[in-house]
Amino acid sequence: VDYDEVARRSVGKRWARLSAGDRRAVVEALRALLE
């Protein structure tokens, strides 16, 4: 699963303004929920 892409598509245009650390936190939280 491309969780980074799932998160990017879910967050939308705000994704580009997130730091690398914030992106990782969102990806991991979303992954845990989907699993």
Full PDB file with SEQRES, HELIX, SHEET, SSBOND, CRYST1, ORIGX, SCALE, CONECT and MASTER records, all heavy atoms in Angstrom:
SEQRES   1 A   35  VAL ASP TYR ASP GLU VAL ALA ARG ARG SER VAL GLY LYS          
SEQRES   2 A   35  ARG TRP ALA ARG LEU SER ALA GLY ASP ARG ARG ALA VAL          
SEQRES   3 A   35  VAL GLU ALA LEU ARG ALA LEU LEU GLU                          
HELIX    1 AA1 TYR A    3  VAL A   11  1                                   9    
HELIX    2 AA2 GLY A   12  ARG A   17  5                                   6    
HELIX    3 AA3 ALA A   20  LEU A   34  1                                  15    
CRYST1    1.000    1.000    1.000  90.00  90.00  90.00 P 1           1          
ORIGX1      1.000000  0.000000  0.000000        0.00000                         
ORIGX2      0.000000  1.000000  0.000000        0.00000                         
ORIGX3      0.000000  0.000000  1.000000        0.00000                         
SCALE1      1.000000  0.000000  0.000000        0.00000                         
SCALE2      0.000000  1.000000  0.000000        0.00000                         
SCALE3      0.000000  0.000000  1.000000        0.00000                         
ATOM      1  N   VAL A   1       0.848  -1.195   0.000  1.00  0.00           N  
ATOM      2  CA  VAL A   1       0.000   0.000   0.000  1.00  0.00           C  
ATOM      3  C   VAL A   1       0.880   1.240   0.000  1.00  0.00           C  
ATOM      4  O   VAL A   1       1.816   1.348   0.785  1.00  0.00           O  
ATOM      5  CB  VAL A   1      -0.937   0.030   1.219  1.00  0.00           C  
ATOM      6  CG1 VAL A   1      -1.777   1.305   1.221  1.00  0.00           C  
ATOM      7  CG2 VAL A   1      -1.835  -1.196   1.232  1.00  0.00           C  
ATOM      8  N   ASP A   2       0.583   2.165  -0.874  1.00  0.00           N  
ATOM      9  CA  ASP A   2       1.307   3.436  -0.916  1.00  0.00           C  
ATOM     10  C   ASP A   2       0.622   4.390   0.063  1.00  0.00           C  
ATOM     11  O   ASP A   2      -0.180   5.236  -0.311  1.00  0.00           O  
ATOM     12  CB  ASP A   2       1.279   3.999  -2.343  1.00  0.00           C  
ATOM     13  CG  ASP A   2       2.210   5.191  -2.513  1.00  0.00           C  
ATOM     14  OD1 ASP A   2       2.595   5.790  -1.493  1.00  0.00           O  
ATOM     15  OD2 ASP A   2       2.532   5.525  -3.667  1.00  0.00           O  
ATOM     16  N   TYR A   3       0.943   4.213   1.353  1.00  0.00           N  
ATOM     17  CA  TYR A   3       0.279   5.007   2.382  1.00  0.00           C  
ATOM     18  C   TYR A   3       0.584   6.492   2.240  1.00  0.00           C  
ATOM     19  O   TYR A   3      -0.253   7.339   2.582  1.00  0.00           O  
ATOM     20  CB  TYR A   3       0.681   4.509   3.767  1.00  0.00           C  
ATOM     21  CG  TYR A   3       0.013   3.226   4.176  1.00  0.00           C  
ATOM     22  CD1 TYR A   3       0.725   2.037   4.254  1.00  0.00           C  
ATOM     23  CD2 TYR A   3      -1.340   3.198   4.487  1.00  0.00           C  
ATOM     24  CE1 TYR A   3       0.115   0.849   4.629  1.00  0.00           C  
ATOM     25  CE2 TYR A   3      -1.961   2.028   4.863  1.00  0.00           C  
ATOM     26  CZ  TYR A   3      -1.230   0.853   4.933  1.00  0.00           C  
ATOM     27  OH  TYR A   3      -1.850  -0.325   5.298  1.00  0.00           O  
ATOM     28  N   ASP A   4       1.766   6.830   1.749  1.00  0.00           N  
ATOM     29  CA  ASP A   4       2.079   8.238   1.525  1.00  0.00           C  
ATOM     30  C   ASP A   4       1.117   8.845   0.506  1.00  0.00           C  
ATOM     31  O   ASP A   4       0.633   9.975   0.687  1.00  0.00           O  
ATOM     32  CB  ASP A   4       3.520   8.386   1.040  1.00  0.00           C  
ATOM     33  CG  ASP A   4       4.535   8.099   2.129  1.00  0.00           C  
ATOM     34  OD1 ASP A   4       4.696   6.913   2.485  1.00  0.00           O  
ATOM     35  OD2 ASP A   4       5.170   9.044   2.630  1.00  0.00           O  
ATOM     36  N   GLU A   5       0.831   8.099  -0.548  1.00  0.00           N  
ATOM     37  CA  GLU A   5      -0.083   8.600  -1.571  1.00  0.00           C  
ATOM     38  C   GLU A   5      -1.517   8.651  -1.054  1.00  0.00           C  
ATOM     39  O   GLU A   5      -2.269   9.587  -1.360  1.00  0.00           O  
ATOM     40  CB  GLU A   5       0.001   7.726  -2.822  1.00  0.00           C  
ATOM     41  CG  GLU A   5      -0.895   8.168  -3.970  1.00  0.00           C  
ATOM     42  CD  GLU A   5      -0.535   9.527  -4.559  1.00  0.00           C  
ATOM     43  OE1 GLU A   5       0.557  10.051  -4.246  1.00  0.00           O  
ATOM     44  OE2 GLU A   5      -1.347  10.068  -5.334  1.00  0.00           O  
ATOM     45  N   VAL A   6      -1.911   7.654  -0.267  1.00  0.00           N  
ATOM     46  CA  VAL A   6      -3.246   7.665   0.336  1.00  0.00           C  
ATOM     47  C   VAL A   6      -3.408   8.915   1.207  1.00  0.00           C  
ATOM     48  O   VAL A   6      -4.417   9.623   1.129  1.00  0.00           O  
ATOM     49  CB  VAL A   6      -3.484   6.399   1.175  1.00  0.00           C  
ATOM     50  CG1 VAL A   6      -4.821   6.491   1.927  1.00  0.00           C  
ATOM     51  CG2 VAL A   6      -3.482   5.153   0.296  1.00  0.00           C  
ATOM     52  N   ALA A   7      -2.401   9.199   2.020  1.00  0.00           N  
ATOM     53  CA  ALA A   7      -2.464  10.376   2.892  1.00  0.00           C  
ATOM     54  C   ALA A   7      -2.459  11.659   2.075  1.00  0.00           C  
ATOM     55  O   ALA A   7      -3.205  12.600   2.366  1.00  0.00           O  
ATOM     56  CB  ALA A   7      -1.294  10.355   3.872  1.00  0.00           C  
ATOM     57  N   ARG A   8      -1.603  11.724   1.055  1.00  0.00           N  
ATOM     58  CA  ARG A   8      -1.520  12.933   0.220  1.00  0.00           C  
ATOM     59  C   ARG A   8      -2.861  13.227  -0.433  1.00  0.00           C  
ATOM     60  O   ARG A   8      -3.333  14.372  -0.434  1.00  0.00           O  
ATOM     61  CB  ARG A   8      -0.443  12.776  -0.845  1.00  0.00           C  
ATOM     62  CG  ARG A   8      -0.193  14.049  -1.656  1.00  0.00           C  
ATOM     63  CD  ARG A   8       0.670  13.775  -2.863  1.00  0.00           C  
ATOM     64  NE  ARG A   8      -0.036  12.994  -3.866  1.00  0.00           N  
ATOM     65  CZ  ARG A   8      -0.924  13.507  -4.732  1.00  0.00           C  
ATOM     66  NH1 ARG A   8      -1.227  14.801  -4.685  1.00  0.00           N  
ATOM     67  NH2 ARG A   8      -1.520  12.735  -5.611  1.00  0.00           N  
ATOM     68  N   ARG A   9      -3.481  12.202  -0.992  1.00  0.00           N  
ATOM     69  CA  ARG A   9      -4.775  12.398  -1.644  1.00  0.00           C  
ATOM     70  C   ARG A   9      -5.851  12.779  -0.634  1.00  0.00           C  
ATOM     71  O   ARG A   9      -6.762  13.558  -0.948  1.00  0.00           O  
ATOM     72  CB  ARG A   9      -5.183  11.118  -2.381  1.00  0.00           C  
ATOM     73  CG  ARG A   9      -4.304  10.782  -3.567  1.00  0.00           C  
ATOM     74  CD  ARG A   9      -4.866   9.593  -4.327  1.00  0.00           C  
ATOM     75  NE  ARG A   9      -4.040   9.239  -5.471  1.00  0.00           N  
ATOM     76  CZ  ARG A   9      -4.416   8.408  -6.438  1.00  0.00           C  
ATOM     77  NH1 ARG A   9      -5.614   7.840  -6.388  1.00  0.00           N  
ATOM     78  NH2 ARG A   9      -3.609   8.146  -7.449  1.00  0.00           N  
ATOM     79  N   SER A  10      -5.781  12.229   0.567  1.00  0.00           N  
ATOM     80  CA  SER A  10      -6.796  12.501   1.580  1.00  0.00           C  
ATOM     81  C   SER A  10      -6.686  13.919   2.131  1.00  0.00           C  
ATOM     82  O   SER A  10      -7.694  14.582   2.385  1.00  0.00           O  
ATOM     83  CB  SER A  10      -6.671  11.492   2.730  1.00  0.00           C  
ATOM     84  OG  SER A  10      -6.876  10.169   2.280  1.00  0.00           O  
ATOM     85  N   VAL A  11      -5.457  14.389   2.314  1.00  0.00           N  
ATOM     86  CA  VAL A  11      -5.252  15.734   2.867  1.00  0.00           C  
ATOM     87  C   VAL A  11      -5.471  16.811   1.811  1.00  0.00           C  
ATOM     88  O   VAL A  11      -5.933  17.907   2.113  1.00  0.00           O  
ATOM     89  CB  VAL A  11      -3.838  15.846   3.472  1.00  0.00           C  
ATOM     90  CG1 VAL A  11      -3.509  17.283   3.843  1.00  0.00           C  
ATOM     91  CG2 VAL A  11      -3.724  14.935   4.696  1.00  0.00           C  
ATOM     92  N   GLY A  12      -5.138  16.508   0.550  1.00  0.00           N  
ATOM     93  CA  GLY A  12      -5.346  17.473  -0.519  1.00  0.00           C  
ATOM     94  C   GLY A  12      -4.261  18.534  -0.590  1.00  0.00           C  
ATOM     95  O   GLY A  12      -3.095  18.276  -0.282  1.00  0.00           O  
ATOM     96  N   LYS A  13      -4.628  19.753  -0.942  1.00  0.00           N  
ATOM     97  CA  LYS A  13      -3.638  20.792  -1.231  1.00  0.00           C  
ATOM     98  C   LYS A  13      -2.827  21.205  -0.006  1.00  0.00           C  
ATOM     99  O   LYS A  13      -1.725  21.744  -0.145  1.00  0.00           O  
ATOM    100  CB  LYS A  13      -4.320  22.021  -1.832  1.00  0.00           C  
ATOM    101  CG  LYS A  13      -5.339  22.689  -0.923  1.00  0.00           C  
ATOM    102  CD  LYS A  13      -6.034  23.838  -1.636  1.00  0.00           C  
ATOM    103  CE  LYS A  13      -7.057  24.529  -0.742  1.00  0.00           C  
ATOM    104  NZ  LYS A  13      -7.739  25.654  -1.436  1.00  0.00           N  
ATOM    105  N   ARG A  14      -3.348  20.940   1.194  1.00  0.00           N  
ATOM    106  CA  ARG A  14      -2.602  21.292   2.405  1.00  0.00           C  
ATOM    107  C   ARG A  14      -1.372  20.404   2.593  1.00  0.00           C  
ATOM    108  O   ARG A  14      -0.487  20.741   3.376  1.00  0.00           O  
ATOM    109  CB  ARG A  14      -3.511  21.177   3.631  1.00  0.00           C  
ATOM    110  CG  ARG A  14      -4.610  22.231   3.690  1.00  0.00           C  
ATOM    111  CD  ARG A  14      -5.497  22.024   4.902  1.00  0.00           C  
ATOM    112  NE  ARG A  14      -6.528  23.030   4.991  1.00  0.00           N  
ATOM    113  CZ  ARG A  14      -6.419  24.172   5.653  1.00  0.00           C  
ATOM    114  NH1 ARG A  14      -5.284  24.429   6.300  1.00  0.00           N  
ATOM    115  NH2 ARG A  14      -7.406  25.041   5.689  1.00  0.00           N  
ATOM    116  N   TRP A  15      -1.318  19.268   1.897  1.00  0.00           N  
ATOM    117  CA  TRP A  15      -0.203  18.333   2.049  1.00  0.00           C  
ATOM    118  C   TRP A  15       1.136  19.001   1.735  1.00  0.00           C  
ATOM    119  O   TRP A  15       2.133  18.770   2.424  1.00  0.00           O  
ATOM    120  CB  TRP A  15      -0.424  17.137   1.131  1.00  0.00           C  
ATOM    121  CG  TRP A  15       0.595  16.040   1.259  1.00  0.00           C  
ATOM    122  CD1 TRP A  15       1.614  15.753   0.383  1.00  0.00           C  
ATOM    123  CD2 TRP A  15       0.705  15.078   2.307  1.00  0.00           C  
ATOM    124  NE1 TRP A  15       2.336  14.668   0.817  1.00  0.00           N  
ATOM    125  CE2 TRP A  15       1.794  14.242   2.002  1.00  0.00           C  
ATOM    126  CE3 TRP A  15      -0.018  14.844   3.475  1.00  0.00           C  
ATOM    127  CZ2 TRP A  15       2.186  13.189   2.820  1.00  0.00           C  
ATOM    128  CZ3 TRP A  15       0.358  13.805   4.295  1.00  0.00           C  
ATOM    129  CH2 TRP A  15       1.454  12.986   3.966  1.00  0.00           C  
ATOM    130  N   ALA A  16       1.162  19.834   0.716  1.00  0.00           N  
ATOM    131  CA  ALA A  16       2.408  20.467   0.283  1.00  0.00           C  
ATOM    132  C   ALA A  16       2.968  21.401   1.348  1.00  0.00           C  
ATOM    133  O   ALA A  16       4.176  21.688   1.349  1.00  0.00           O  
ATOM    134  CB  ALA A  16       2.186  21.237  -1.022  1.00  0.00           C  
ATOM    135  N   ARG A  17       2.137  21.867   2.270  1.00  0.00           N  
ATOM    136  CA  ARG A  17       2.596  22.818   3.286  1.00  0.00           C  
ATOM    137  C   ARG A  17       3.028  22.130   4.580  1.00  0.00           C  
ATOM    138  O   ARG A  17       3.492  22.804   5.504  1.00  0.00           O  
ATOM    139  CB  ARG A  17       1.476  23.833   3.582  1.00  0.00           C  
ATOM    140  CG  ARG A  17       1.054  24.645   2.349  1.00  0.00           C  
ATOM    141  CD  ARG A  17       0.323  25.899   2.743  1.00  0.00           C  
ATOM    142  NE  ARG A  17      -0.997  25.639   3.300  1.00  0.00           N  
ATOM    143  CZ  ARG A  17      -2.113  25.593   2.575  1.00  0.00           C  
ATOM    144  NH1 ARG A  17      -2.057  25.773   1.260  1.00  0.00           N  
ATOM    145  NH2 ARG A  17      -3.274  25.369   3.141  1.00  0.00           N  
ATOM    146  N   LEU A  18       2.891  20.820   4.647  1.00  0.00           N  
ATOM    147  CA  LEU A  18       3.286  20.096   5.857  1.00  0.00           C  
ATOM    148  C   LEU A  18       4.776  19.781   5.840  1.00  0.00           C  
ATOM    149  O   LEU A  18       5.350  19.514   4.784  1.00  0.00           O  
ATOM    150  CB  LEU A  18       2.492  18.789   5.979  1.00  0.00           C  
ATOM    151  CG  LEU A  18       0.968  18.888   6.093  1.00  0.00           C  
ATOM    152  CD1 LEU A  18       0.367  17.500   6.277  1.00  0.00           C  
ATOM    153  CD2 LEU A  18       0.557  19.803   7.236  1.00  0.00           C  
ATOM    154  N   SER A  19       5.396  19.794   7.002  1.00  0.00           N  
ATOM    155  CA  SER A  19       6.802  19.405   7.108  1.00  0.00           C  
ATOM    156  C   SER A  19       6.926  17.889   6.931  1.00  0.00           C  
ATOM    157  O   SER A  19       5.940  17.153   7.003  1.00  0.00           O  
ATOM    158  CB  SER A  19       7.352  19.807   8.472  1.00  0.00           C  
ATOM    159  OG  SER A  19       6.748  19.010   9.496  1.00  0.00           O  
ATOM    160  N   ALA A  20       8.151  17.428   6.720  1.00  0.00           N  
ATOM    161  CA  ALA A  20       8.378  15.993   6.557  1.00  0.00           C  
ATOM    162  C   ALA A  20       7.940  15.227   7.799  1.00  0.00           C  
ATOM    163  O   ALA A  20       7.337  14.141   7.708  1.00  0.00           O  
ATOM    164  CB  ALA A  20       9.854  15.729   6.256  1.00  0.00           C  
ATOM    165  N   GLY A  21       8.209  15.795   8.972  1.00  0.00           N  
ATOM    166  CA  GLY A  21       7.803  15.137  10.211  1.00  0.00           C  
ATOM    167  C   GLY A  21       6.303  15.068  10.370  1.00  0.00           C  
ATOM    168  O   GLY A  21       5.762  14.044  10.817  1.00  0.00           O  
ATOM    169  N   ASP A  22       5.609  16.146  10.017  1.00  0.00           N  
ATOM    170  CA  ASP A  22       4.151  16.155  10.101  1.00  0.00           C  
ATOM    171  C   ASP A  22       3.541  15.172   9.106  1.00  0.00           C  
ATOM    172  O   ASP A  22       2.563  14.482   9.413  1.00  0.00           O  
ATOM    173  CB  ASP A  22       3.613  17.561   9.843  1.00  0.00           C  
ATOM    174  CG  ASP A  22       3.797  18.485  11.044  1.00  0.00           C  
ATOM    175  OD1 ASP A  22       4.054  17.967  12.149  1.00  0.00           O  
ATOM    176  OD2 ASP A  22       3.678  19.711  10.866  1.00  0.00           O  
ATOM    177  N   ARG A  23       4.112  15.102   7.916  1.00  0.00           N  
ATOM    178  CA  ARG A  23       3.617  14.145   6.930  1.00  0.00           C  
ATOM    179  C   ARG A  23       3.737  12.723   7.454  1.00  0.00           C  
ATOM    180  O   ARG A  23       2.817  11.911   7.323  1.00  0.00           O  
ATOM    181  CB  ARG A  23       4.385  14.287   5.617  1.00  0.00           C  
ATOM    182  CG  ARG A  23       4.087  15.549   4.842  1.00  0.00           C  
ATOM    183  CD  ARG A  23       4.867  15.579   3.532  1.00  0.00           C  
ATOM    184  NE  ARG A  23       4.631  16.809   2.799  1.00  0.00           N  
ATOM    185  CZ  ARG A  23       5.151  17.075   1.607  1.00  0.00           C  
ATOM    186  NH1 ARG A  23       5.955  16.191   1.033  1.00  0.00           N  
ATOM    187  NH2 ARG A  23       4.881  18.220   1.005  1.00  0.00           N  
ATOM    188  N   ARG A  24       4.892  12.409   8.053  1.00  0.00           N  
ATOM    189  CA  ARG A  24       5.102  11.067   8.571  1.00  0.00           C  
ATOM    190  C   ARG A  24       4.114  10.742   9.680  1.00  0.00           C  
ATOM    191  O   ARG A  24       3.585   9.619   9.754  1.00  0.00           O  
ATOM    192  CB  ARG A  24       6.546  10.930   9.080  1.00  0.00           C  
ATOM    193  CG  ARG A  24       6.926   9.560   9.615  1.00  0.00           C  
ATOM    194  CD  ARG A  24       6.557   8.429   8.696  1.00  0.00           C  
ATOM    195  NE  ARG A  24       6.920   8.697   7.312  1.00  0.00           N  
ATOM    196  CZ  ARG A  24       6.450   8.024   6.285  1.00  0.00           C  
ATOM    197  NH1 ARG A  24       5.562   7.053   6.474  1.00  0.00           N  
ATOM    198  NH2 ARG A  24       6.822   8.310   5.055  1.00  0.00           N  
ATOM    199  N   ALA A  25       3.822  11.721  10.550  1.00  0.00           N  
ATOM    200  CA  ALA A  25       2.866  11.496  11.633  1.00  0.00           C  
ATOM    201  C   ALA A  25       1.473  11.204  11.085  1.00  0.00           C  
ATOM    202  O   ALA A  25       0.770  10.319  11.587  1.00  0.00           O  
ATOM    203  CB  ALA A  25       2.827  12.723  12.554  1.00  0.00           C  
ATOM    204  N   VAL A  26       1.070  11.937  10.046  1.00  0.00           N  
ATOM    205  CA  VAL A  26      -0.241  11.714   9.441  1.00  0.00           C  
ATOM    206  C   VAL A  26      -0.290  10.346   8.766  1.00  0.00           C  
ATOM    207  O   VAL A  26      -1.271   9.599   8.901  1.00  0.00           O  
ATOM    208  CB  VAL A  26      -0.568  12.831   8.424  1.00  0.00           C  
ATOM    209  CG1 VAL A  26      -1.849  12.506   7.657  1.00  0.00           C  
ATOM    210  CG2 VAL A  26      -0.705  14.172   9.141  1.00  0.00           C  
ATOM    211  N   VAL A  27       0.760  10.005   8.035  1.00  0.00           N  
ATOM    212  CA  VAL A  27       0.808   8.717   7.335  1.00  0.00           C  
ATOM    213  C   VAL A  27       0.687   7.570   8.325  1.00  0.00           C  
ATOM    214  O   VAL A  27      -0.100   6.630   8.126  1.00  0.00           O  
ATOM    215  CB  VAL A  27       2.101   8.586   6.511  1.00  0.00           C  
ATOM    216  CG1 VAL A  27       2.280   7.146   6.012  1.00  0.00           C  
ATOM    217  CG2 VAL A  27       2.083   9.545   5.326  1.00  0.00           C  
ATOM    218  N   GLU A  28       1.440   7.612   9.403  1.00  0.00           N  
ATOM    219  CA  GLU A  28       1.430   6.513  10.374  1.00  0.00           C  
ATOM    220  C   GLU A  28       0.082   6.405  11.072  1.00  0.00           C  
ATOM    221  O   GLU A  28      -0.417   5.299  11.312  1.00  0.00           O  
ATOM    222  CB  GLU A  28       2.551   6.700  11.394  1.00  0.00           C  
ATOM    223  CG  GLU A  28       3.941   6.509  10.809  1.00  0.00           C  
ATOM    224  CD  GLU A  28       4.123   5.136  10.182  1.00  0.00           C  
ATOM    225  OE1 GLU A  28       3.592   4.145  10.727  1.00  0.00           O  
ATOM    226  OE2 GLU A  28       4.788   5.045   9.130  1.00  0.00           O  
ATOM    227  N   ALA A  29      -0.528   7.537  11.418  1.00  0.00           N  
ATOM    228  CA  ALA A  29      -1.833   7.503  12.088  1.00  0.00           C  
ATOM    229  C   ALA A  29      -2.916   6.977  11.150  1.00  0.00           C  
ATOM    230  O   ALA A  29      -3.787   6.188  11.560  1.00  0.00           O  
ATOM    231  CB  ALA A  29      -2.193   8.897  12.598  1.00  0.00           C  
ATOM    232  N   LEU A  30      -2.867   7.399   9.889  1.00  0.00           N  
ATOM    233  CA  LEU A  30      -3.860   6.935   8.930  1.00  0.00           C  
ATOM    234  C   LEU A  30      -3.669   5.453   8.632  1.00  0.00           C  
ATOM    235  O   LEU A  30      -4.641   4.692   8.524  1.00  0.00           O  
ATOM    236  CB  LEU A  30      -3.770   7.753   7.651  1.00  0.00           C  
ATOM    237  CG  LEU A  30      -4.824   7.464   6.574  1.00  0.00           C  
ATOM    238  CD1 LEU A  30      -6.227   7.660   7.122  1.00  0.00           C  
ATOM    239  CD2 LEU A  30      -4.597   8.350   5.345  1.00  0.00           C  
ATOM    240  N   ARG A  31      -2.428   5.032   8.509  1.00  0.00           N  
ATOM    241  CA  ARG A  31      -2.142   3.614   8.281  1.00  0.00           C  
ATOM    242  C   ARG A  31      -2.694   2.759   9.420  1.00  0.00           C  
ATOM    243  O   ARG A  31      -3.345   1.728   9.189  1.00  0.00           O  
ATOM    244  CB  ARG A  31      -0.640   3.400   8.145  1.00  0.00           C  
ATOM    245  CG  ARG A  31      -0.241   1.923   8.155  1.00  0.00           C  
ATOM    246  CD  ARG A  31       1.260   1.744   8.173  1.00  0.00           C  
ATOM    247  NE  ARG A  31       1.629   0.362   8.473  1.00  0.00           N  
ATOM    248  CZ  ARG A  31       2.864  -0.090   8.590  1.00  0.00           C  
ATOM    249  NH1 ARG A  31       3.871   0.754   8.427  1.00  0.00           N  
ATOM    250  NH2 ARG A  31       3.095  -1.351   8.870  1.00  0.00           N  
ATOM    251  N   ALA A  32      -2.446   3.183  10.666  1.00  0.00           N  
ATOM    252  CA  ALA A  32      -2.927   2.411  11.816  1.00  0.00           C  
ATOM    253  C   ALA A  32      -4.449   2.304  11.811  1.00  0.00           C  
ATOM    254  O   ALA A  32      -5.012   1.241  12.112  1.00  0.00           O  
ATOM    255  CB  ALA A  32      -2.447   3.061  13.118  1.00  0.00           C  
ATOM    256  N   LEU A  33      -5.132   3.381  11.444  1.00  0.00           N  
ATOM    257  CA  LEU A  33      -6.594   3.358  11.396  1.00  0.00           C  
ATOM    258  C   LEU A  33      -7.094   2.420  10.310  1.00  0.00           C  
ATOM    259  O   LEU A  33      -7.998   1.601  10.538  1.00  0.00           O  
ATOM    260  CB  LEU A  33      -7.126   4.774  11.170  1.00  0.00           C  
ATOM    261  CG  LEU A  33      -8.636   4.889  10.912  1.00  0.00           C  
ATOM    262  CD1 LEU A  33      -9.439   4.314  12.065  1.00  0.00           C  
ATOM    263  CD2 LEU A  33      -9.025   6.339  10.641  1.00  0.00           C  
ATOM    264  N   LEU A  34      -6.525   2.520   9.113  1.00  0.00           N  
ATOM    265  CA  LEU A  34      -6.976   1.676   8.013  1.00  0.00           C  
ATOM    266  C   LEU A  34      -6.731   0.199   8.310  1.00  0.00           C  
ATOM    267  O   LEU A  34      -7.566  -0.655   7.992  1.00  0.00           O  
ATOM    268  CB  LEU A  34      -6.277   2.091   6.716  1.00  0.00           C  
ATOM    269  CG  LEU A  34      -6.662   3.469   6.171  1.00  0.00           C  
ATOM    270  CD1 LEU A  34      -5.822   3.804   4.944  1.00  0.00           C  
ATOM    271  CD2 LEU A  34      -8.143   3.523   5.829  1.00  0.00           C  
ATOM    272  N   GLU A  35      -5.605  -0.115   8.914  1.00  0.00           N  
ATOM    273  CA  GLU A  35      -5.335  -1.502   9.263  1.00  0.00           C  
ATOM    274  C   GLU A  35      -6.324  -2.001  10.313  1.00  0.00           C  
ATOM    275  O   GLU A  35      -6.794  -3.131  10.259  1.00  0.00           O  
ATOM    276  CB  GLU A  35      -3.899  -1.658   9.753  1.00  0.00           C  
ATOM    277  CG  GLU A  35      -2.867  -1.488   8.643  1.00  0.00           C  
ATOM    278  CD  GLU A  35      -1.436  -1.641   9.141  1.00  0.00           C  
ATOM    279  OE1 GLU A  35      -1.239  -1.711  10.381  1.00  0.00           O  
ATOM    280  OE2 GLU A  35      -0.527  -1.692   8.298  1.00  0.00           O  
TER     281      GLU A  35                                                      
MASTER        0    0    0    3    0    0    0    6  280    1    0    3          
END                                                                             
